[in-house]
C-alpha atoms as a PDB file:
ATOM      1  CA  MET A   1     -26.354   9.383   4.647  1.00  0.00           C
ATOM      2  CA  ALA A   2     -25.270   7.126   1.534  1.00  0.00           C
ATOM      3  CA  SER A   3     -23.756   3.829   1.797  1.00  0.00           C
ATOM      4  CA  ALA A   4     -20.263   3.398   1.387  1.00  0.00           C
ATOM      5  CA  PRO A   5     -19.485   1.876  -2.204  1.00  0.00           C
ATOM      6  CA  LEU A   6     -19.616  -2.176  -1.921  1.00  0.00           C
ATOM      7  CA  LYS A   7     -16.469  -3.939  -2.159  1.00  0.00           C
ATOM      8  CA  CYS A   8     -16.679  -7.039  -4.287  1.00  0.00           C
ATOM      9  CA  CYS A   9     -15.021 -10.132  -2.522  1.00  0.00           C
ATOM     10  CA  ILE A  10     -14.666 -13.307  -3.882  1.00  0.00           C
ATOM     11  CA  ASN A  11     -14.051 -16.742  -1.573  1.00  0.00           C
ATOM     12  CA  PRO A  12     -13.731 -20.153  -3.856  1.00  0.00           C
ATOM     13  CA  SER A  13     -15.000 -23.054  -2.047  1.00  0.00           C
ATOM     14  CA  ILE A  14     -12.775 -25.745  -1.647  1.00  0.00           C
ATOM     15  CA  LEU A  15     -15.631 -28.206  -1.979  1.00  0.00           C
ATOM     16  CA  SER A  16     -14.495 -27.805  -5.614  1.00  0.00           C
ATOM     17  CA  ALA A  17     -11.018 -28.429  -5.194  1.00  0.00           C
ATOM     18  CA  ASP A  18      -8.522 -31.612  -5.353  1.00  0.00           C
ATOM     19  CA  PHE A  19      -8.767 -32.747  -1.760  1.00  0.00           C
ATOM     20  CA  VAL A  20      -5.372 -34.988  -2.535  1.00  0.00           C
ATOM     21  CA  ASN A  21      -3.451 -31.970  -1.998  1.00  0.00           C
ATOM     22  CA  LEU A  22      -5.171 -29.295  -0.456  1.00  0.00           C
ATOM     23  CA  GLU A  23      -2.131 -26.997  -0.008  1.00  0.00           C
ATOM     24  CA  ALA A  24      -1.453 -27.073  -3.596  1.00  0.00           C
ATOM     25  CA  GLU A  25      -4.978 -25.934  -4.481  1.00  0.00           C
ATOM     26  CA  LEU A  26      -5.111 -23.005  -2.041  1.00  0.00           C
ATOM     27  CA  ALA A  27      -2.006 -21.839  -3.747  1.00  0.00           C
ATOM     28  CA  ARG A  28      -3.840 -22.019  -6.736  1.00  0.00           C
ATOM     29  CA  ILE A  29      -6.419 -19.022  -5.468  1.00  0.00           C
ATOM     30  CA  SER A  30      -3.856 -16.666  -3.649  1.00  0.00           C
ATOM     31  CA  ASN A  31      -5.761 -13.986  -5.358  1.00  0.00           C
ATOM     32  CA  ALA A  32      -8.781 -14.454  -3.782  1.00  0.00           C
ATOM     33  CA  ASP A  33     -10.225 -12.342  -0.363  1.00  0.00           C
ATOM     34  CA  ALA A  34     -10.580 -15.695   1.646  1.00  0.00           C
ATOM     35  CA  VAL A  35     -11.292 -19.314   0.976  1.00  0.00           C
ATOM     36  CA  HIS A  36     -14.325 -20.708   1.757  1.00  0.00           C
ATOM     37  CA  VAL A  37     -14.574 -23.980   4.205  1.00  0.00           C
ATOM     38  CA  ASP A  38     -17.405 -26.229   4.163  1.00  0.00           C
ATOM     39  CA  VAL A  39     -17.612 -28.112   6.823  1.00  0.00           C
ATOM     40  CA  MET A  40     -20.485 -30.869   7.089  1.00  0.00           C
ATOM     41  CA  ASP A  41     -21.602 -33.684   9.257  1.00  0.00           C
ATOM     42  CA  ASN A  42     -24.257 -35.775   7.406  1.00  0.00           C
ATOM     43  CA  HIS A  43     -26.493 -34.601  10.100  1.00  0.00           C
ATOM     44  CA  PHE A  44     -27.387 -30.922   9.639  1.00  0.00           C
ATOM     45  CA  VAL A  45     -26.983 -31.522   5.687  1.00  0.00           C
ATOM     46  CA  PRO A  46     -26.875 -35.146   3.664  1.00  0.00           C
ATOM     47  CA  ASN A  47     -23.185 -34.660   2.942  1.00  0.00           C
ATOM     48  CA  LEU A  48     -19.577 -35.503   4.865  1.00  0.00           C
ATOM     49  CA  THR A  49     -16.703 -33.305   4.334  1.00  0.00           C
ATOM     50  CA  ILE A  50     -14.067 -32.374   6.302  1.00  0.00           C
ATOM     51  CA  GLY A  51     -13.825 -31.631  10.599  1.00  0.00           C
ATOM     52  CA  LEU A  52     -11.528 -29.524  12.631  1.00  0.00           C
ATOM     53  CA  PRO A  53      -8.491 -31.145  12.424  1.00  0.00           C
ATOM     54  CA  VAL A  54      -8.236 -30.756   8.434  1.00  0.00           C
ATOM     55  CA  VAL A  55      -9.406 -26.899   9.425  1.00  0.00           C
ATOM     56  CA  GLU A  56      -6.427 -26.515  11.650  1.00  0.00           C
ATOM     57  CA  ARG A  57      -3.725 -28.107   9.457  1.00  0.00           C
ATOM     58  CA  LEU A  58      -5.277 -25.475   6.727  1.00  0.00           C
ATOM     59  CA  GLN A  59      -5.045 -22.773   8.481  1.00  0.00           C
ATOM     60  CA  LYS A  60      -1.337 -23.357   8.976  1.00  0.00           C
ATOM     61  CA  VAL A  61      -0.752 -23.497   4.954  1.00  0.00           C
ATOM     62  CA  THR A  62      -3.219 -21.003   3.090  1.00  0.00           C
ATOM     63  CA  PRO A  63      -2.186 -18.170   1.802  1.00  0.00           C
ATOM     64  CA  VAL A  64      -5.587 -16.225   2.134  1.00  0.00           C
ATOM     65  CA  PRO A  65      -8.200 -16.130   5.220  1.00  0.00           C
ATOM     66  CA  LEU A  66      -9.849 -18.907   6.042  1.00  0.00           C
ATOM     67  CA  ASP A  67     -13.652 -18.675   5.831  1.00  0.00           C
ATOM     68  CA  ALA A  68     -15.471 -21.616   7.503  1.00  0.00           C
ATOM     69  CA  HIS A  69     -18.698 -22.454   6.795  1.00  0.00           C
ATOM     70  CA  LEU A  70     -20.394 -25.023   9.402  1.00  0.00           C
ATOM     71  CA  MET A  71     -23.162 -27.079   7.914  1.00  0.00           C
ATOM     72  CA  ILE A  72     -23.141 -28.829  11.252  1.00  0.00           C
ATOM     73  CA  SER A  73     -25.317 -30.156  14.238  1.00  0.00           C
ATOM     74  CA  ASP A  74     -24.598 -29.049  17.592  1.00  0.00           C
ATOM     75  CA  VAL A  75     -22.792 -25.574  16.253  1.00  0.00           C
ATOM     76  CA  ASP A  76     -23.113 -24.047  19.619  1.00  0.00           C
ATOM     77  CA  ARG A  77     -20.270 -26.528  21.001  1.00  0.00           C
ATOM     78  CA  TRP A  78     -17.980 -26.660  17.772  1.00  0.00           C
ATOM     79  CA  ALA A  79     -18.042 -23.402  16.677  1.00  0.00           C
ATOM     80  CA  PRO A  80     -16.060 -21.756  18.993  1.00  0.00           C
ATOM     81  CA  GLN A  81     -13.270 -24.172  18.482  1.00  0.00           C
ATOM     82  CA  PHE A  82     -12.991 -23.210  14.693  1.00  0.00           C
ATOM     83  CA  ALA A  83     -12.412 -19.814  15.977  1.00  0.00           C
ATOM     84  CA  ASP A  84      -9.845 -21.212  18.329  1.00  0.00           C
ATOM     85  CA  ALA A  85      -8.347 -22.602  15.246  1.00  0.00           C
ATOM     86  CA  GLY A  86      -7.257 -18.892  14.057  1.00  0.00           C
ATOM     87  CA  VAL A  87      -9.839 -19.059  11.103  1.00  0.00           C
ATOM     88  CA  SER A  88     -10.621 -15.581   9.919  1.00  0.00           C
ATOM     89  CA  SER A  89     -14.339 -16.174   9.836  1.00  0.00           C
ATOM     90  CA  VAL A  90     -16.863 -18.747  11.448  1.00  0.00           C
ATOM     91  CA  THR A  91     -20.217 -18.781   9.928  1.00  0.00           C
ATOM     92  CA  PHE A  92     -23.111 -20.895  11.535  1.00  0.00           C
ATOM     93  CA  HIS A  93     -26.284 -21.829  10.449  1.00  0.00           C
ATOM     94  CA  VAL A  94     -28.884 -20.366  12.896  1.00  0.00           C
ATOM     95  CA  GLU A  95     -31.274 -23.221  12.334  1.00  0.00           C
ATOM     96  CA  ALA A  96     -28.711 -25.429  14.137  1.00  0.00           C
ATOM     97  CA  SER A  97     -28.137 -22.939  16.804  1.00  0.00           C
ATOM     98  CA  ASP A  98     -29.989 -22.835  20.293  1.00  0.00           C
ATOM     99  CA  ALA A  99     -28.589 -19.247  21.160  1.00  0.00           C
ATOM    100  CA  PRO A 100     -27.320 -17.699  18.253  1.00  0.00           C
ATOM    101  CA  ILE A 101     -26.489 -14.397  19.931  1.00  0.00           C
ATOM    102  CA  LYS A 102     -24.606 -15.929  22.467  1.00  0.00           C
ATOM    103  CA  LEU A 103     -22.717 -18.175  19.674  1.00  0.00           C
ATOM    104  CA  ALA A 104     -21.862 -14.969  17.445  1.00  0.00           C
ATOM    105  CA  ARG A 105     -20.204 -12.742  20.864  1.00  0.00           C
ATOM    106  CA  GLU A 106     -18.152 -16.295  21.725  1.00  0.00           C
ATOM    107  CA  LEU A 107     -16.743 -16.375  18.383  1.00  0.00           C
ATOM    108  CA  ARG A 108     -15.939 -12.582  18.006  1.00  0.00           C
ATOM    109  CA  ALA A 109     -14.493 -12.853  21.767  1.00  0.00           C
ATOM    110  CA  ARG A 110     -11.915 -15.386  20.473  1.00  0.00           C
ATOM    111  CA  GLY A 111     -10.895 -13.259  17.250  1.00  0.00           C
ATOM    112  CA  ALA A 112     -12.677 -14.471  14.719  1.00  0.00           C
ATOM    113  CA  LYS A 113     -15.343 -13.007  12.795  1.00  0.00           C
ATOM    114  CA  ALA A 114     -19.064 -14.459  13.047  1.00  0.00           C
ATOM    115  CA  GLY A 115     -21.191 -15.377  10.191  1.00  0.00           C
ATOM    116  CA  MET A 116     -24.933 -16.112  10.592  1.00  0.00           C
ATOM    117  CA  ALA A 117     -26.201 -18.236   7.862  1.00  0.00           C
ATOM    118  CA  LEU A 118     -29.650 -19.029   6.445  1.00  0.00           C
ATOM    119  CA  ARG A 119     -30.991 -21.663   4.166  1.00  0.00           C
ATOM    120  CA  PRO A 120     -33.045 -20.924   1.362  1.00  0.00           C
ATOM    121  CA  ALA A 121     -36.438 -21.200   3.266  1.00  0.00           C
ATOM    122  CA  THR A 122     -35.368 -19.257   6.398  1.00  0.00           C
ATOM    123  CA  PRO A 123     -36.895 -15.866   6.308  1.00  0.00           C
ATOM    124  CA  VAL A 124     -34.282 -13.017   7.179  1.00  0.00           C
ATOM    125  CA  GLU A 125     -36.846 -10.707   8.873  1.00  0.00           C
ATOM    126  CA  PRO A 126     -36.680 -12.917  12.585  1.00  0.00           C
ATOM    127  CA  TYR A 127     -32.746 -12.193  12.339  1.00  0.00           C
ATOM    128  CA  LEU A 128     -32.860  -8.404  11.866  1.00  0.00           C
ATOM    129  CA  ASP A 129     -31.928  -7.310  15.057  1.00  0.00           C
ATOM    130  CA  MET A 130     -28.946  -9.584  15.396  1.00  0.00           C
ATOM    131  CA  LEU A 131     -27.462  -7.650  12.705  1.00  0.00           C
ATOM    132  CA  SER A 132     -25.205  -5.730  15.248  1.00  0.00           C
ATOM    133  CA  GLU A 133     -23.963  -9.148  16.541  1.00  0.00           C
ATOM    134  CA  VAL A 134     -22.431 -10.641  13.294  1.00  0.00           C
ATOM    135  CA  ASP A 135     -20.118  -9.576  10.659  1.00  0.00           C
ATOM    136  CA  MET A 136     -21.559 -11.283   7.924  1.00  0.00           C
ATOM    137  CA  LEU A 137     -25.037 -12.576   6.868  1.00  0.00           C
ATOM    138  CA  LEU A 138     -24.762 -15.733   4.513  1.00  0.00           C
ATOM    139  CA  ILE A 139     -27.769 -16.473   2.419  1.00  0.00           C
ATOM    140  CA  MET A 140     -27.530 -19.677   0.821  1.00  0.00           C
ATOM    141  CA  THR A 141     -28.743 -19.194  -2.922  1.00  0.00           C
ATOM    142  CA  VAL A 142     -28.679 -23.514  -3.431  1.00  0.00           C
ATOM    143  CA  GLU A 143     -29.790 -26.137  -0.612  1.00  0.00           C
ATOM    144  CA  PRO A 144     -26.861 -26.506   1.590  1.00  0.00           C
ATOM    145  CA  GLY A 145     -24.855 -29.956   1.098  1.00  0.00           C
ATOM    146  CA  PHE A 146     -23.784 -30.275  -2.315  1.00  0.00           C
ATOM    147  CA  GLY A 147     -21.449 -28.116  -4.836  1.00  0.00           C
ATOM    148  CA  GLY A 148     -23.145 -27.827  -8.596  1.00  0.00           C
ATOM    149  CA  GLN A 149     -26.320 -26.998  -7.881  1.00  0.00           C
ATOM    150  CA  ALA A 150     -28.246 -23.912  -9.944  1.00  0.00           C
ATOM    151  CA  PHE A 151     -28.494 -20.441  -8.307  1.00  0.00           C
ATOM    152  CA  LEU A 152     -31.968 -19.687  -6.605  1.00  0.00           C
ATOM    153  CA  ASP A 153     -33.085 -16.617  -8.320  1.00  0.00           C
ATOM    154  CA  VAL A 154     -35.925 -16.519  -5.748  1.00  0.00           C
ATOM    155  CA  MET A 155     -33.014 -15.820  -3.369  1.00  0.00           C
ATOM    156  CA  LEU A 156     -32.966 -12.343  -4.952  1.00  0.00           C
ATOM    157  CA  PRO A 157     -35.926 -10.830  -3.050  1.00  0.00           C
ATOM    158  CA  LYS A 158     -34.380 -11.801   0.405  1.00  0.00           C
ATOM    159  CA  ILE A 159     -30.928 -10.523  -0.473  1.00  0.00           C
ATOM    160  CA  ARG A 160     -32.571  -7.010  -0.739  1.00  0.00           C
ATOM    161  CA  ARG A 161     -34.148  -7.331   2.011  1.00  0.00           C
ATOM    162  CA  ALA A 162     -31.247  -7.937   3.615  1.00  0.00           C
ATOM    163  CA  ARG A 163     -29.381  -5.338   2.247  1.00  0.00           C
ATOM    164  CA  ALA A 164     -32.274  -2.736   2.849  1.00  0.00           C
ATOM    165  CA  ALA A 165     -32.273  -3.309   6.687  1.00  0.00           C
ATOM    166  CA  ILE A 166     -28.382  -3.534   6.542  1.00  0.00           C
ATOM    167  CA  ASP A 167     -28.093   0.163   5.062  1.00  0.00           C
ATOM    168  CA  GLY A 168     -31.192   1.453   7.078  1.00  0.00           C
ATOM    169  CA  SER A 169     -29.552   0.402  10.167  1.00  0.00           C
ATOM    170  CA  GLY A 170     -26.033   1.576   9.361  1.00  0.00           C
ATOM    171  CA  VAL A 171     -24.188  -1.625  10.593  1.00  0.00           C
ATOM    172  CA  ASP A 172     -20.997  -2.760   8.862  1.00  0.00           C
ATOM    173  CA  VAL A 173     -22.099  -6.132   7.864  1.00  0.00           C
ATOM    174  CA  ALA A 174     -21.356  -8.224   4.862  1.00  0.00           C
ATOM    175  CA  ILE A 175     -23.908 -10.260   2.449  1.00  0.00           C
ATOM    176  CA  GLN A 176     -22.717 -13.551   1.492  1.00  0.00           C
ATOM    177  CA  VAL A 177     -24.178 -15.381  -1.481  1.00  0.00           C
ATOM    178  CA  ASP A 178     -23.292 -19.205  -1.514  1.00  0.00           C
ATOM    179  CA  GLY A 179     -24.504 -21.685  -4.254  1.00  0.00           C
ATOM    180  CA  GLY A 180     -24.676 -21.245  -8.344  1.00  0.00           C
ATOM    181  CA  ILE A 181     -22.095 -18.461  -8.662  1.00  0.00           C
ATOM    182  CA  THR A 182     -20.838 -17.769 -11.830  1.00  0.00           C
ATOM    183  CA  GLU A 183     -20.152 -14.970 -13.927  1.00  0.00           C
ATOM    184  CA  GLU A 184     -23.463 -14.543 -14.978  1.00  0.00           C
ATOM    185  CA  THR A 185     -25.579 -14.788 -11.611  1.00  0.00           C
ATOM    186  CA  ILE A 186     -23.149 -12.844  -9.869  1.00  0.00           C
ATOM    187  CA  THR A 187     -24.186  -9.963 -11.331  1.00  0.00           C
ATOM    188  CA  ARG A 188     -27.573 -10.566 -10.239  1.00  0.00           C
ATOM    189  CA  ALA A 189     -27.054 -11.328  -6.967  1.00  0.00           C
ATOM    190  CA  ALA A 190     -24.684  -8.053  -6.986  1.00  0.00           C
ATOM    191  CA  GLU A 191     -27.518  -6.061  -8.091  1.00  0.00           C
ATOM    192  CA  ALA A 192     -29.654  -7.320  -5.440  1.00  0.00           C
ATOM    193  CA  GLY A 193     -27.027  -6.063  -2.785  1.00  0.00           C
ATOM    194  CA  ALA A 194     -24.753  -9.150  -2.074  1.00  0.00           C
ATOM    195  CA  ASN A 195     -20.862  -8.312  -2.104  1.00  0.00           C
ATOM    196  CA  VAL A 196     -19.133 -11.639  -1.139  1.00  0.00           C
ATOM    197  CA  PHE A 197     -19.584 -14.191  -3.323  1.00  0.00           C
ATOM    198  CA  VAL A 198     -18.660 -18.245  -2.749  1.00  0.00           C
ATOM    199  CA  ALA A 199     -17.717 -20.226  -6.185  1.00  0.00           C
ATOM    200  CA  GLY A 200     -16.431 -23.332  -6.599  1.00  0.00           C
ATOM    201  CA  SER A 201     -16.816 -24.711  -9.867  1.00  0.00           C
ATOM    202  CA  ALA A 202     -16.452 -21.604 -11.637  1.00  0.00           C
ATOM    203  CA  VAL A 203     -13.228 -21.299  -9.940  1.00  0.00           C
ATOM    204  CA  TYR A 204     -11.432 -24.438  -9.653  1.00  0.00           C
ATOM    205  CA  GLY A 205     -13.435 -25.890 -12.942  1.00  0.00           C
ATOM    206  CA  LYS A 206     -11.711 -23.455 -14.876  1.00  0.00           C
ATOM    207  CA  PRO A 207      -8.196 -23.979 -16.103  1.00  0.00           C
ATOM    208  CA  SER A 208      -6.663 -20.875 -14.022  1.00  0.00           C
ATOM    209  CA  PRO A 209      -8.935 -20.814 -11.181  1.00  0.00           C
ATOM    210  CA  ALA A 210      -6.348 -17.170 -10.158  1.00  0.00           C
ATOM    211  CA  ALA A 211      -7.751 -15.899 -13.648  1.00  0.00           C
ATOM    212  CA  ALA A 212     -11.204 -16.865 -12.870  1.00  0.00           C
ATOM    213  CA  ILE A 213     -11.249 -14.974  -9.543  1.00  0.00           C
ATOM    214  CA  GLU A 214     -10.627 -11.882 -11.312  1.00  0.00           C
ATOM    215  CA  SER A 215     -13.219 -12.597 -14.063  1.00  0.00           C
ATOM    216  CA  LEU A 216     -15.679 -12.872 -11.069  1.00  0.00           C
ATOM    217  CA  ARG A 217     -14.525  -9.824  -9.366  1.00  0.00           C
ATOM    218  CA  THR A 218     -14.592  -7.921 -12.344  1.00  0.00           C
ATOM    219  CA  ASN A 219     -18.336  -8.671 -13.234  1.00  0.00           C
ATOM    220  CA  GLY A 220     -19.346  -8.558  -9.774  1.00  0.00           C
ATOM    221  CA  GLN A 221     -17.670  -5.100  -9.009  1.00  0.00           C
ATOM    222  CA  LEU A 222     -19.290  -3.534 -12.261  1.00  0.00           C
ATOM    223  CA  ALA A 223     -22.568  -4.601 -10.953  1.00  0.00           C
ATOM    224  CA  PHE A 224     -22.416  -2.086  -7.802  1.00  0.00           C
ATOM    225  CA  THR A 225     -24.426   0.506  -9.386  1.00  0.00           C
ATOM    226  CA  PRO A 226     -25.836   3.316  -7.169  1.00  0.00           C
ATOM    227  CA  ALA A 227     -29.241   1.893  -6.861  1.00  0.00           C
ATOM    228  CA  ALA A 228     -27.819  -1.451  -6.028  1.00  0.00           C
ATOM    229  CA  ALA A 229     -25.767  -0.005  -3.276  1.00  0.00           C
ATOM    230  CA  THR A 230     -28.209   1.848  -1.757  1.00  0.00           C
ATOM    231  CA  GLN A 231     -31.320   0.191  -1.808  1.00  0.00           C
END
């Protein structure tokens, strides 16, 4: 059976936004599919951003769904609380979880989509049997921790293998990529099989973030050739 056509989704990262007025920055990307919220604790990654109280407030004012990316230690304890805050999607790193299947099921039970993230050096193969337990697989295309890094092309084969496994299993799992996404790199990532794209400076670094979103979405969608969508 042929796979359904992929839809290109753009989730801007507020890591590149003006933190003085995040509500206004969210309003500038109201045409996005979701907003990517990077939560870092300076333990799992060498950076410190925002925590649960700020995410709870963002959830009350956002015009689009929140996609929380937890780059934190002790994620099994904290992730369910982000689901309870009402965010649409909670993504945890398998490297930080002692019981990823249990955690994914708990997130879903609390009303959030469950996302599973892999650092660049983490192979996807050990986690393919978990695909039915999650709604999204996040393949990091930079080392997590800081925005503005260059896209790692060596991740493209990993994306292709993940897409082949998802299509082969028949599960409905999105492939998100995060790191170095631009109007040029989104094409390569989409051709490899990704369909959800986190973009920071490529959106907030433009005069019109809304126009940047539309441009990225068009480039990504055009890359979904039949060959790329059914690998």
